[in-house]
Amino acid sequence: MADMPAPEMVEVNGIQLAVYRAGPDPSDTDKPAVFFLHGFPEIAYSWRAQLKALGDAGYPVFTYDARGYGASDAPKGRKNYTVAKLCADAEALLDHYGLRDAVFVGHDWGALTLWAMPFYMGDRVAGYAGLNVPLMPLYREDPIALFRRHFGDKMYIVRFQTEGACEPVLEKDLMRTFRYFLRKPGKCKARAGEAPKPDTGFSEKNLDLIGQLEQGEEGWGGVPLLPDEELQIYADAYRKNGFTGPLHWYRNMTHNWQDMQRFADADGKLPFVARPCLMITAELDRACPPSLADGMENLCGPYERIDLKGCGHWSQQERAADVNAALLDWLHKYFPC
């Protein structure tokens, strides 16, 4: 895979995960190991710039294709994709590499997994850095019911709940699918008498991403994030496992919400996360707006927040230099050697 080291296939919890490493061996440095968790619909490749930057800075860095993705195994059945199992995979990798703990960085679904870690494996995590998706209070109701009420039945997460409904659309033309998803904001547009507005690439208020994909490129908005040769890397990776495994992550959102109740107190509040936490938001992320992180300082700490102006959803690729600088500054501050 271009710009990535060859993967190590590591057996954890009855499956094999493709792990990519850079930087020194953890035994050769006092700097903390850093693990990067990718989101949907991505693969470990999305962290290539961070793998190089932090590895060159002397950090032992790891990223991996999560279960269901890329070169890793994709076990059958939605029960194999709960957030508890995702955290168990991360913990098993720490065991495999002989690490007591590590700093974890997550984007999108990787961030959702990241913010579940304090409760499933908190003693194994030295610090948390989330991109786009923040740590939030426990929902007061089933999140799928909440999304359906606010956004309707066509909202992408709601549509993903029906197994087999979206896979054919997403898998029909993989290059087209990734050309749709992996876009960044385009030039500002202005109507007569109105102030210019950024072209974020998502024009539908109900977040019907599947409907937009089916409409055709002329209605997608935004501009391509990656050249075709890099989109091909994504398309090739998804030929192995398809989209069923990744969509099963979404199909466990109700289960995950129910399971998280056991960590909450009588008022439904989760414990305070007493570890260094960094939140990086993106101004033009329609699905995960920066406002979601408001109040996060009451849930964890010591806490820092960085807002990337003019950035869309794919922060670590769209603004790699800014993300790398933010991570290195934060690591130097909270994990001095």
Protein backbone atom coordinates (compact mmCIF):
# COMPACT_ATOMS: atom_id res chain seq x y z
CA MET A 1 0.00 0.00 0.00
CA ALA A 2 1.48 3.34 -1.07
CA ASP A 3 3.00 5.47 1.72
CA MET A 4 2.41 2.72 4.29
CA PRO A 5 4.70 0.06 5.75
CA ALA A 6 3.84 -3.58 5.14
CA PRO A 7 1.28 -4.79 7.68
CA GLU A 8 1.91 -7.28 10.44
CA MET A 9 -0.93 -9.79 10.73
CA VAL A 10 -1.70 -10.13 14.45
CA GLU A 11 -4.16 -12.64 15.86
CA VAL A 12 -6.45 -11.17 18.51
CA ASN A 13 -9.75 -12.48 19.86
CA GLY A 14 -10.02 -15.17 17.20
CA ILE A 15 -9.42 -12.88 14.20
CA GLN A 16 -6.44 -11.39 12.40
CA LEU A 17 -5.84 -7.65 12.26
CA ALA A 18 -3.51 -5.90 9.82
CA VAL A 19 -1.26 -3.64 11.91
CA TYR A 20 0.98 -0.93 10.45
CA ARG A 21 3.91 0.45 12.48
CA ALA A 22 6.38 3.31 12.32
CA GLY A 23 8.93 4.93 14.60
CA PRO A 24 11.12 3.13 17.13
CA ASP A 25 10.25 0.00 19.04
CA PRO A 26 8.52 0.92 22.32
CA SER A 27 11.36 -0.71 24.28
CA ASP A 28 13.87 1.72 22.72
CA THR A 29 12.26 4.99 23.85
CA ASP A 30 10.60 6.66 26.82
CA LYS A 31 8.01 8.24 24.56
CA PRO A 32 4.51 6.73 24.76
CA ALA A 33 3.22 4.43 22.07
CA VAL A 34 0.46 6.03 20.00
CA PHE A 35 -2.37 4.05 18.37
CA PHE A 36 -4.54 5.53 15.60
CA LEU A 37 -8.14 4.34 15.11
CA HIS A 38 -9.79 4.95 11.74
CA GLY A 39 -13.46 5.58 11.01
CA PHE A 40 -16.04 4.84 8.30
CA PRO A 41 -15.61 4.24 5.43
CA GLU A 42 -11.87 4.28 5.82
CA ILE A 43 -8.88 2.07 6.58
CA ALA A 44 -5.56 2.47 8.38
CA TYR A 45 -4.26 4.25 5.25
CA SER A 46 -6.14 7.37 6.35
CA TRP A 47 -3.49 7.88 9.06
CA ARG A 48 -0.47 7.68 6.73
CA ALA A 49 0.57 11.32 7.31
CA GLN A 50 0.33 10.97 11.09
CA LEU A 51 2.18 7.64 11.06
CA LYS A 52 5.12 9.30 9.32
CA ALA A 53 5.11 12.56 11.29
CA LEU A 54 4.92 10.98 14.74
CA GLY A 55 7.23 8.13 13.79
CA ASP A 56 9.82 10.65 12.55
CA ALA A 57 9.40 12.51 15.85
CA GLY A 58 10.45 9.40 17.74
CA TYR A 59 7.10 7.99 18.85
CA PRO A 60 6.32 4.28 18.46
CA VAL A 61 3.17 4.51 16.33
CA PHE A 62 0.62 1.91 15.37
CA THR A 63 -2.52 1.88 13.27
CA TYR A 64 -4.59 -1.00 12.01
CA ASP A 65 -7.46 -1.96 9.75
CA ALA A 66 -10.21 -2.51 12.31
CA ARG A 67 -12.28 -5.69 12.25
CA GLY A 68 -14.37 -5.78 9.12
CA TYR A 69 -12.07 -3.42 7.22
CA GLY A 70 -9.22 -3.61 4.73
CA ALA A 71 -6.76 -6.47 5.11
CA SER A 72 -8.16 -7.52 8.51
CA ASP A 73 -10.70 -10.28 9.04
CA ALA A 74 -14.43 -9.65 8.84
CA PRO A 75 -16.26 -12.16 11.05
CA LYS A 76 -19.89 -12.79 10.13
CA GLY A 77 -22.75 -11.50 12.26
CA ARG A 78 -23.45 -8.08 13.73
CA LYS A 79 -22.76 -9.36 17.27
CA ASN A 80 -19.05 -9.38 16.35
CA TYR A 81 -18.95 -5.59 15.94
CA THR A 82 -20.00 -4.21 19.32
CA VAL A 83 -17.94 -1.40 20.81
CA ALA A 84 -16.95 -3.80 23.60
CA LYS A 85 -15.32 -6.07 21.00
CA LEU A 86 -13.65 -3.10 19.30
CA CYS A 87 -12.12 -2.06 22.62
CA ALA A 88 -11.13 -5.66 23.34
CA ASP A 89 -9.21 -5.72 20.04
CA ALA A 90 -7.28 -2.61 21.04
CA GLU A 91 -6.49 -4.06 24.45
CA ALA A 92 -5.35 -7.34 22.90
CA LEU A 93 -2.96 -5.42 20.63
CA LEU A 94 -1.46 -3.74 23.70
CA ASP A 95 -0.93 -7.21 25.19
CA HIS A 96 0.57 -8.51 21.95
CA TYR A 97 3.16 -5.72 21.82
CA GLY A 98 3.90 -5.89 25.56
CA LEU A 99 2.51 -2.44 26.29
CA ARG A 100 1.05 -1.53 29.67
CA ASP A 101 -0.78 1.43 28.10
CA ALA A 102 -0.70 3.82 25.14
CA VAL A 103 -2.12 7.08 23.86
CA PHE A 104 -5.06 6.54 21.52
CA VAL A 105 -6.19 8.83 18.70
CA GLY A 106 -9.48 8.28 16.89
CA HIS A 107 -11.42 9.81 14.01
CA ASP A 108 -15.12 9.31 13.19
CA TRP A 109 -16.05 5.75 14.32
CA GLY A 110 -12.51 5.45 15.61
CA ALA A 111 -13.34 8.38 17.89
CA LEU A 112 -16.58 6.72 19.00
CA THR A 113 -14.51 3.71 19.96
CA LEU A 114 -11.93 5.98 21.59
CA TRP A 115 -14.50 7.64 23.86
CA ALA A 116 -15.85 4.24 24.94
CA MET A 117 -12.37 3.13 26.03
CA PRO A 118 -12.39 4.97 29.39
CA PHE A 119 -15.18 2.66 30.51
CA TYR A 120 -14.14 -0.62 28.87
CA MET A 121 -10.33 -0.40 29.21
CA GLY A 122 -9.51 2.91 30.88
CA ASP A 123 -6.50 1.67 32.83
CA ARG A 124 -4.77 0.82 29.55
CA VAL A 125 -5.12 4.32 28.02
CA ALA A 126 -2.69 7.11 28.94
CA GLY A 127 -4.44 9.82 26.93
CA TYR A 128 -7.19 10.40 24.39
CA ALA A 129 -7.25 12.54 21.24
CA GLY A 130 -10.46 12.66 19.22
CA LEU A 131 -11.04 14.11 15.76
CA ASN A 132 -14.50 15.36 14.74
CA VAL A 133 -16.47 13.12 17.13
CA PRO A 134 -16.33 14.21 20.80
CA LEU A 135 -16.92 12.58 24.14
CA MET A 136 -20.59 13.21 24.90
CA PRO A 137 -22.99 12.43 27.74
CA LEU A 138 -24.84 9.14 27.53
CA TYR A 139 -27.95 9.50 25.35
CA ARG A 140 -31.21 9.62 27.27
CA GLU A 141 -32.85 7.41 24.65
CA ASP A 142 -31.98 4.92 21.95
CA PRO A 143 -29.76 6.89 19.52
CA ILE A 144 -31.39 5.32 16.46
CA ALA A 145 -34.82 6.44 17.64
CA LEU A 146 -33.36 9.89 18.27
CA PHE A 147 -31.83 10.11 14.79
CA ARG A 148 -35.04 8.90 13.17
CA ARG A 149 -37.10 11.52 14.97
CA HIS A 150 -34.74 14.40 14.18
CA PHE A 151 -33.61 13.48 10.67
CA GLY A 152 -36.18 11.02 9.32
CA ASP A 153 -35.98 7.52 7.90
CA LYS A 154 -33.56 8.49 5.12
CA MET A 155 -30.79 9.65 7.47
CA TYR A 156 -27.80 7.47 6.64
CA ILE A 157 -27.38 5.89 10.09
CA VAL A 158 -31.08 4.99 10.17
CA ARG A 159 -30.88 3.48 6.68
CA PHE A 160 -27.79 1.48 7.65
CA GLN A 161 -29.79 -0.40 10.29
CA THR A 162 -31.43 -2.74 7.75
CA GLU A 163 -28.92 -5.41 6.83
CA GLY A 164 -28.51 -5.83 3.08
CA ALA A 165 -30.32 -2.60 2.18
CA CYS A 166 -27.33 -0.32 1.59
CA GLU A 167 -24.55 -2.78 0.80
CA PRO A 168 -25.56 -3.21 -2.88
CA VAL A 169 -25.54 0.56 -3.42
CA LEU A 170 -22.18 1.06 -1.75
CA GLU A 171 -20.53 -1.95 -3.42
CA LYS A 172 -21.91 -1.45 -6.94
CA ASP A 173 -19.06 0.85 -8.02
CA LEU A 174 -16.41 1.19 -5.31
CA MET A 175 -14.49 3.98 -7.02
CA ARG A 176 -17.69 5.99 -7.34
CA THR A 177 -18.57 5.32 -3.69
CA PHE A 178 -15.23 6.62 -2.45
CA ARG A 179 -15.27 9.53 -4.86
CA TYR A 180 -18.56 10.49 -3.19
CA PHE A 181 -17.58 10.00 0.45
CA LEU A 182 -14.03 11.35 0.36
CA ARG A 183 -14.72 14.97 -0.53
CA LYS A 184 -13.73 18.26 1.01
CA PRO A 185 -15.42 21.68 1.02
CA GLY A 186 -15.33 23.57 -2.24
CA LYS A 187 -15.47 27.28 -2.97
CA CYS A 188 -18.10 29.41 -1.27
CA LYS A 189 -21.36 29.84 -3.18
CA ALA A 190 -23.65 32.86 -3.02
CA ARG A 191 -27.23 33.44 -4.11
CA ALA A 192 -28.49 36.89 -4.97
CA GLY A 193 -28.84 38.97 -1.82
CA GLU A 194 -27.23 36.30 0.41
CA ALA A 195 -23.81 36.05 2.00
CA PRO A 196 -21.53 33.38 0.49
CA LYS A 197 -21.79 29.96 2.14
CA PRO A 198 -19.14 27.22 2.06
CA ASP A 199 -19.88 24.34 -0.28
CA THR A 200 -19.57 21.54 2.29
CA GLY A 201 -20.56 18.74 -0.05
CA PHE A 202 -23.65 17.76 1.95
CA SER A 203 -26.69 19.69 0.84
CA GLU A 204 -29.45 17.57 2.34
CA LYS A 205 -30.66 18.49 5.81
CA ASN A 206 -31.72 14.91 6.53
CA LEU A 207 -28.22 13.54 5.80
CA ASP A 208 -29.48 11.06 3.23
CA LEU A 209 -26.00 10.11 2.07
CA ILE A 210 -27.17 7.00 0.23
CA GLY A 211 -29.70 9.06 -1.71
CA GLN A 212 -27.04 11.59 -2.62
CA LEU A 213 -24.67 8.86 -3.78
CA GLU A 214 -27.36 7.50 -6.07
CA GLN A 215 -28.15 10.92 -7.54
CA GLY A 216 -24.86 11.31 -9.35
CA GLU A 217 -21.74 13.42 -9.02
CA GLU A 218 -23.28 16.62 -10.34
CA GLY A 219 -25.29 16.89 -7.12
CA TRP A 220 -22.64 15.87 -4.61
CA GLY A 221 -21.10 19.25 -3.85
CA GLY A 222 -17.62 19.81 -2.53
CA VAL A 223 -14.54 18.68 -4.41
CA PRO A 224 -12.58 15.41 -4.38
CA LEU A 225 -10.27 15.03 -1.41
CA LEU A 226 -7.90 12.52 -3.01
CA PRO A 227 -6.59 11.77 -6.51
CA ASP A 228 -7.89 8.66 -8.26
CA GLU A 229 -4.74 6.64 -7.50
CA GLU A 230 -5.38 7.07 -3.78
CA LEU A 231 -9.11 6.44 -4.10
CA GLN A 232 -8.12 3.19 -5.83
CA ILE A 233 -6.34 2.11 -2.63
CA TYR A 234 -9.64 2.41 -0.77
CA ALA A 235 -11.61 0.67 -3.51
CA ASP A 236 -9.13 -2.21 -3.64
CA ALA A 237 -9.21 -2.59 0.16
CA TYR A 238 -13.01 -2.92 0.18
CA ARG A 239 -13.03 -5.64 -2.46
CA LYS A 240 -11.92 -8.10 0.22
CA ASN A 241 -14.66 -7.63 2.82
CA GLY A 242 -17.24 -5.30 1.30
CA PHE A 243 -19.38 -3.05 3.49
CA THR A 244 -21.34 -5.47 5.69
CA GLY A 245 -18.79 -5.56 8.52
CA PRO A 246 -18.34 -1.76 8.63
CA LEU A 247 -22.12 -1.24 8.58
CA HIS A 248 -22.48 -3.66 11.48
CA TRP A 249 -20.69 -1.09 13.63
CA TYR A 250 -23.70 1.19 13.07
CA ARG A 251 -26.12 -1.69 13.62
CA ASN A 252 -24.79 -2.08 17.16
CA MET A 253 -25.43 1.51 18.23
CA THR A 254 -28.56 0.56 20.16
CA HIS A 255 -26.78 -2.39 21.78
CA ASN A 256 -23.79 -0.20 22.66
CA TRP A 257 -26.04 2.43 24.24
CA GLN A 258 -27.80 -0.23 26.30
CA ASP A 259 -24.52 -1.80 27.42
CA MET A 260 -23.05 1.56 28.44
CA GLN A 261 -25.83 2.00 31.00
CA ARG A 262 -23.90 -0.24 33.38
CA PHE A 263 -21.15 2.36 33.70
CA ALA A 264 -23.54 5.23 34.51
CA ASP A 265 -24.66 6.42 37.93
CA ALA A 266 -28.27 6.68 39.14
CA ASP A 267 -28.67 9.95 37.20
CA GLY A 268 -27.45 8.39 33.95
CA LYS A 269 -24.07 10.15 34.05
CA LEU A 270 -20.87 8.42 33.06
CA PRO A 271 -17.74 8.77 35.24
CA PHE A 272 -15.44 11.73 34.66
CA VAL A 273 -12.53 10.79 32.38
CA ALA A 274 -9.45 11.81 34.36
CA ARG A 275 -6.82 11.59 31.62
CA PRO A 276 -5.31 14.16 29.23
CA CYS A 277 -7.88 14.66 26.44
CA LEU A 278 -7.55 16.57 23.17
CA MET A 279 -10.51 17.36 20.92
CA ILE A 280 -9.97 18.53 17.33
CA THR A 281 -13.15 19.77 15.63
CA ALA A 282 -13.73 20.72 11.99
CA GLU A 283 -15.76 23.84 11.22
CA LEU A 284 -17.40 22.53 8.03
CA ASP A 285 -18.19 18.98 9.13
CA ARG A 286 -21.94 18.71 8.54
CA ALA A 287 -22.39 15.30 10.13
CA CYS A 288 -20.24 16.09 13.21
CA PRO A 289 -20.35 19.87 13.77
CA PRO A 290 -18.02 21.48 16.33
CA SER A 291 -21.01 22.31 18.55
CA LEU A 292 -21.15 18.62 19.53
CA ALA A 293 -17.99 19.21 21.58
CA ASP A 294 -19.44 22.12 23.57
CA GLY A 295 -19.38 21.20 27.24
CA MET A 296 -16.86 18.40 26.81
CA GLU A 297 -14.65 20.17 29.35
CA ASN A 298 -17.16 19.05 32.00
CA LEU A 299 -16.71 15.38 31.09
CA CYS A 300 -12.94 14.96 31.06
CA GLY A 301 -9.67 16.59 31.89
CA PRO A 302 -7.13 17.97 31.64
CA TYR A 303 -8.83 19.01 28.40
CA GLU A 304 -7.79 20.99 25.35
CA ARG A 305 -9.73 21.82 22.20
CA ILE A 306 -8.59 22.93 18.76
CA ASP A 307 -11.04 24.09 16.07
CA LEU A 308 -9.92 23.70 12.46
CA LYS A 309 -11.47 26.55 10.47
CA GLY A 310 -12.62 25.77 6.95
CA CYS A 311 -12.05 22.02 7.39
CA GLY A 312 -14.42 19.25 6.43
CA HIS A 313 -14.93 15.78 7.88
CA TRP A 314 -11.69 14.06 6.83
CA SER A 315 -9.47 16.19 9.06
CA GLN A 316 -6.30 14.10 9.27
CA GLN A 317 -6.07 13.94 5.48
CA GLU A 318 -7.47 17.36 4.56
CA ARG A 319 -5.37 19.23 7.13
CA ALA A 320 -2.60 16.76 7.89
CA ALA A 321 0.02 19.36 8.85
CA ASP A 322 -2.33 21.08 11.31
CA VAL A 323 -3.41 17.79 12.87
CA ASN A 324 0.18 16.58 13.15
CA ALA A 325 1.27 19.81 14.82
CA ALA A 326 -1.64 19.71 17.27
CA LEU A 327 -0.93 16.11 18.23
CA LEU A 328 2.81 16.67 18.66
CA ASP A 329 2.30 19.81 20.77
CA TRP A 330 -0.23 18.01 22.98
CA LEU A 331 1.96 14.92 23.38
CA HIS A 332 4.98 17.06 24.28
CA LYS A 333 2.95 18.95 26.87
CA TYR A 334 1.29 16.03 28.63
CA PHE A 335 3.78 13.22 28.03
CA PRO A 336 7.23 14.80 28.39
CA CYS A 337 10.19 12.45 28.25
